[in-house]
Amino acid sequence: MKKADPGMSLKQLIQEKEIEQREAGKLLKDQLHLTFESLKPMNIIKSRLKEMVSSPGLKTDLVNASMGVTAGLIAKKILTRKSHNPFIKLSGALLEMIIANKVSKNADVIKMIGSTVLKKIMHKHETA
């Protein structure tokens, strides 16, 4: 049996460690590049927009908000009509904000009540 040469074993171990070090360095550089790219302002904006668009409640939130804004505008138009009185205009703007807020927060209940009323109207229309 041949004795293992300690010098050769040491050289082989050094070569293996150098290869490992090169691979780790390459992985570190790749990760650094990815991190640098992800921290660019445009990429941050893109990723946030993707998160917003992919969120499951976005569609519901948009519908609720649009219902609130529409109801607020209608209420303001009814109150102010064509008035030039600044007090009435201010009251209309306040009413618009209050109604928009209340409707958007309670949109699910309003939708449920609206669909129930619509079903009753349709049912009466069908029986008549």
C-alpha atoms as a PDB file:
ATOM      1  CA  MET A   1       0.000   0.000   0.000  1.00  0.00           C
ATOM      2  CA  LYS A   2       1.158   3.468  -0.875  1.00  0.00           C
ATOM      3  CA  LYS A   3       1.372   6.169   1.761  1.00  0.00           C
ATOM      4  CA  ALA A   4      -0.566   9.361   0.999  1.00  0.00           C
ATOM      5  CA  ASP A   5       1.738  12.254   0.352  1.00  0.00           C
ATOM      6  CA  PRO A   6       0.776  15.059   2.764  1.00  0.00           C
ATOM      7  CA  GLY A   7       1.979  17.708   0.322  1.00  0.00           C
ATOM      8  CA  MET A   8      -0.265  16.402  -2.471  1.00  0.00           C
ATOM      9  CA  SER A   9      -3.261  16.167  -0.127  1.00  0.00           C
ATOM     10  CA  LEU A  10      -2.669  19.735   0.947  1.00  0.00           C
ATOM     11  CA  LYS A  11      -2.403  20.971  -2.676  1.00  0.00           C
ATOM     12  CA  GLN A  12      -5.621  19.130  -3.586  1.00  0.00           C
ATOM     13  CA  LEU A  13      -7.429  20.601  -0.577  1.00  0.00           C
ATOM     14  CA  ILE A  14      -6.206  24.100  -1.491  1.00  0.00           C
ATOM     15  CA  GLN A  15      -7.442  23.677  -5.080  1.00  0.00           C
ATOM     16  CA  GLU A  16     -10.874  22.521  -3.843  1.00  0.00           C
ATOM     17  CA  LYS A  17     -11.131  25.508  -1.506  1.00  0.00           C
ATOM     18  CA  GLU A  18     -10.105  27.895  -4.306  1.00  0.00           C
ATOM     19  CA  ILE A  19     -12.850  26.476  -6.545  1.00  0.00           C
ATOM     20  CA  GLU A  20     -15.379  26.847  -3.731  1.00  0.00           C
ATOM     21  CA  GLN A  21     -14.241  30.419  -3.154  1.00  0.00           C
ATOM     22  CA  ARG A  22     -14.616  31.306  -6.866  1.00  0.00           C
ATOM     23  CA  GLU A  23     -18.125  29.816  -6.949  1.00  0.00           C
ATOM     24  CA  ALA A  24     -19.124  31.651  -3.768  1.00  0.00           C
ATOM     25  CA  GLY A  25     -17.692  34.894  -5.193  1.00  0.00           C
ATOM     26  CA  LYS A  26     -19.684  34.462  -8.394  1.00  0.00           C
ATOM     27  CA  LEU A  27     -22.886  33.818  -6.427  1.00  0.00           C
ATOM     28  CA  LEU A  28     -22.184  36.876  -4.285  1.00  0.00           C
ATOM     29  CA  LYS A  29     -21.652  39.073  -7.364  1.00  0.00           C
ATOM     30  CA  ASP A  30     -24.868  37.771  -8.934  1.00  0.00           C
ATOM     31  CA  GLN A  31     -26.808  38.483  -5.743  1.00  0.00           C
ATOM     32  CA  LEU A  32     -25.252  41.946  -5.505  1.00  0.00           C
ATOM     33  CA  HIS A  33     -26.339  42.674  -9.085  1.00  0.00           C
ATOM     34  CA  LEU A  34     -29.906  41.495  -8.360  1.00  0.00           C
ATOM     35  CA  THR A  35     -30.040  43.605  -5.209  1.00  0.00           C
ATOM     36  CA  PHE A  36     -28.718  46.654  -7.067  1.00  0.00           C
ATOM     37  CA  GLU A  37     -31.336  46.209  -9.803  1.00  0.00           C
ATOM     38  CA  SER A  38     -34.174  45.773  -7.321  1.00  0.00           C
ATOM     39  CA  LEU A  39     -33.237  48.985  -5.500  1.00  0.00           C
ATOM     40  CA  LYS A  40     -33.473  51.190  -8.575  1.00  0.00           C
ATOM     41  CA  PRO A  41     -36.392  53.615  -8.143  1.00  0.00           C
ATOM     42  CA  MET A  42     -38.132  52.557 -11.349  1.00  0.00           C
ATOM     43  CA  ASN A  43     -37.957  48.876 -10.398  1.00  0.00           C
ATOM     44  CA  ILE A  44     -39.333  49.653  -6.930  1.00  0.00           C
ATOM     45  CA  ILE A  45     -42.267  51.498  -8.506  1.00  0.00           C
ATOM     46  CA  LYS A  46     -42.889  48.641 -10.935  1.00  0.00           C
ATOM     47  CA  SER A  47     -42.883  46.032  -8.190  1.00  0.00           C
ATOM     48  CA  ARG A  48     -45.279  48.068  -6.032  1.00  0.00           C
ATOM     49  CA  LEU A  49     -47.652  48.543  -8.960  1.00  0.00           C
ATOM     50  CA  LYS A  50     -47.581  44.802  -9.662  1.00  0.00           C
ATOM     51  CA  GLU A  51     -48.392  44.121  -5.996  1.00  0.00           C
ATOM     52  CA  MET A  52     -51.285  46.571  -6.091  1.00  0.00           C
ATOM     53  CA  VAL A  53     -52.745  45.212  -9.302  1.00  0.00           C
ATOM     54  CA  SER A  54     -52.433  41.611  -8.191  1.00  0.00           C
ATOM     55  CA  SER A  55     -54.085  42.231  -4.817  1.00  0.00           C
ATOM     56  CA  PRO A  56     -57.425  40.402  -4.633  1.00  0.00           C
ATOM     57  CA  GLY A  57     -59.404  43.267  -3.091  1.00  0.00           C
ATOM     58  CA  LEU A  58     -58.402  45.940  -5.603  1.00  0.00           C
ATOM     59  CA  LYS A  59     -61.423  45.503  -7.851  1.00  0.00           C
ATOM     60  CA  THR A  60     -63.811  45.564  -4.906  1.00  0.00           C
ATOM     61  CA  ASP A  61     -62.095  48.617  -3.428  1.00  0.00           C
ATOM     62  CA  LEU A  62     -62.302  50.477  -6.752  1.00  0.00           C
ATOM     63  CA  VAL A  63     -66.002  49.676  -7.131  1.00  0.00           C
ATOM     64  CA  ASN A  64     -66.710  50.759  -3.551  1.00  0.00           C
ATOM     65  CA  ALA A  65     -64.761  53.995  -3.981  1.00  0.00           C
ATOM     66  CA  SER A  66     -66.485  54.814  -7.271  1.00  0.00           C
ATOM     67  CA  MET A  67     -69.888  54.179  -5.673  1.00  0.00           C
ATOM     68  CA  GLY A  68     -68.973  56.576  -2.871  1.00  0.00           C
ATOM     69  CA  VAL A  69     -67.721  59.294  -5.189  1.00  0.00           C
ATOM     70  CA  THR A  70     -70.784  58.998  -7.418  1.00  0.00           C
ATOM     71  CA  ALA A  71     -73.208  59.157  -4.498  1.00  0.00           C
ATOM     72  CA  GLY A  72     -71.342  62.142  -3.076  1.00  0.00           C
ATOM     73  CA  LEU A  73     -71.448  64.029  -6.370  1.00  0.00           C
ATOM     74  CA  ILE A  74     -75.160  63.349  -6.781  1.00  0.00           C
ATOM     75  CA  ALA A  75     -75.867  64.572  -3.244  1.00  0.00           C
ATOM     76  CA  LYS A  76     -73.827  67.711  -3.860  1.00  0.00           C
ATOM     77  CA  LYS A  77     -75.666  68.445  -7.117  1.00  0.00           C
ATOM     78  CA  ILE A  78     -79.028  67.989  -5.401  1.00  0.00           C
ATOM     79  CA  LEU A  79     -78.083  70.335  -2.544  1.00  0.00           C
ATOM     80  CA  THR A  80     -76.306  73.074  -4.478  1.00  0.00           C
ATOM     81  CA  ARG A  81     -78.165  72.965  -7.778  1.00  0.00           C
ATOM     82  CA  LYS A  82     -77.072  76.160  -9.531  1.00  0.00           C
ATOM     83  CA  SER A  83     -76.546  78.231  -6.417  1.00  0.00           C
ATOM     84  CA  HIS A  84     -73.815  80.845  -6.286  1.00  0.00           C
ATOM     85  CA  ASN A  85     -74.030  81.167  -2.493  1.00  0.00           C
ATOM     86  CA  PRO A  86     -70.606  80.264  -1.022  1.00  0.00           C
ATOM     87  CA  PHE A  87     -72.200  78.817   2.134  1.00  0.00           C
ATOM     88  CA  ILE A  88     -74.332  76.433   0.092  1.00  0.00           C
ATOM     89  CA  LYS A  89     -71.337  75.481  -2.055  1.00  0.00           C
ATOM     90  CA  LEU A  90     -69.273  74.760   1.068  1.00  0.00           C
ATOM     91  CA  SER A  91     -72.130  72.750   2.549  1.00  0.00           C
ATOM     92  CA  GLY A  92     -72.381  70.804  -0.699  1.00  0.00           C
ATOM     93  CA  ALA A  93     -68.669  69.997  -0.671  1.00  0.00           C
ATOM     94  CA  LEU A  94     -68.872  68.812   2.950  1.00  0.00           C
ATOM     95  CA  LEU A  95     -71.951  66.731   2.196  1.00  0.00           C
ATOM     96  CA  GLU A  96     -70.192  65.228  -0.807  1.00  0.00           C
ATOM     97  CA  MET A  97     -67.200  64.140   1.292  1.00  0.00           C
ATOM     98  CA  ILE A  98     -69.355  62.759   4.110  1.00  0.00           C
ATOM     99  CA  ILE A  99     -71.615  60.755   1.797  1.00  0.00           C
ATOM    100  CA  ALA A 100     -68.710  59.494  -0.314  1.00  0.00           C
ATOM    101  CA  ASN A 101     -66.972  58.286   2.836  1.00  0.00           C
ATOM    102  CA  LYS A 102     -70.075  56.600   4.282  1.00  0.00           C
ATOM    103  CA  VAL A 103     -71.085  54.944   1.007  1.00  0.00           C
ATOM    104  CA  SER A 104     -67.603  53.612   0.249  1.00  0.00           C
ATOM    105  CA  LYS A 105     -67.290  52.158   3.770  1.00  0.00           C
ATOM    106  CA  ASN A 106     -70.754  50.552   3.651  1.00  0.00           C
ATOM    107  CA  ALA A 107     -70.817  49.630  -0.028  1.00  0.00           C
ATOM    108  CA  ASP A 108     -71.374  45.918   0.592  1.00  0.00           C
ATOM    109  CA  VAL A 109     -74.524  46.585   2.628  1.00  0.00           C
ATOM    110  CA  ILE A 110     -75.770  49.065   0.018  1.00  0.00           C
ATOM    111  CA  LYS A 111     -75.159  46.524  -2.765  1.00  0.00           C
ATOM    112  CA  MET A 112     -77.070  43.869  -0.833  1.00  0.00           C
ATOM    113  CA  ILE A 113     -80.030  46.196  -0.187  1.00  0.00           C
ATOM    114  CA  GLY A 114     -79.993  47.356  -3.812  1.00  0.00           C
ATOM    115  CA  SER A 115     -80.021  43.821  -5.156  1.00  0.00           C
ATOM    116  CA  THR A 116     -82.890  42.879  -2.794  1.00  0.00           C
ATOM    117  CA  VAL A 117     -84.950  45.886  -3.908  1.00  0.00           C
ATOM    118  CA  LEU A 118     -84.193  45.143  -7.549  1.00  0.00           C
ATOM    119  CA  LYS A 119     -85.280  41.507  -7.138  1.00  0.00           C
ATOM    120  CA  LYS A 120     -88.561  42.605  -5.528  1.00  0.00           C
ATOM    121  CA  ILE A 121     -89.219  45.080  -8.337  1.00  0.00           C
ATOM    122  CA  MET A 122     -88.461  42.429 -10.957  1.00  0.00           C
ATOM    123  CA  HIS A 123     -90.654  39.893  -9.148  1.00  0.00           C
ATOM    124  CA  LYS A 124     -93.585  42.370  -9.060  1.00  0.00           C
ATOM    125  CA  HIS A 125     -93.026  43.194 -12.717  1.00  0.00           C
ATOM    126  CA  GLU A 126     -93.104  39.492 -13.674  1.00  0.00           C
ATOM    127  CA  THR A 127     -96.315  38.785 -11.755  1.00  0.00           C
ATOM    128  CA  ALA A 128     -98.150  41.794 -13.199  1.00  0.00           C
END
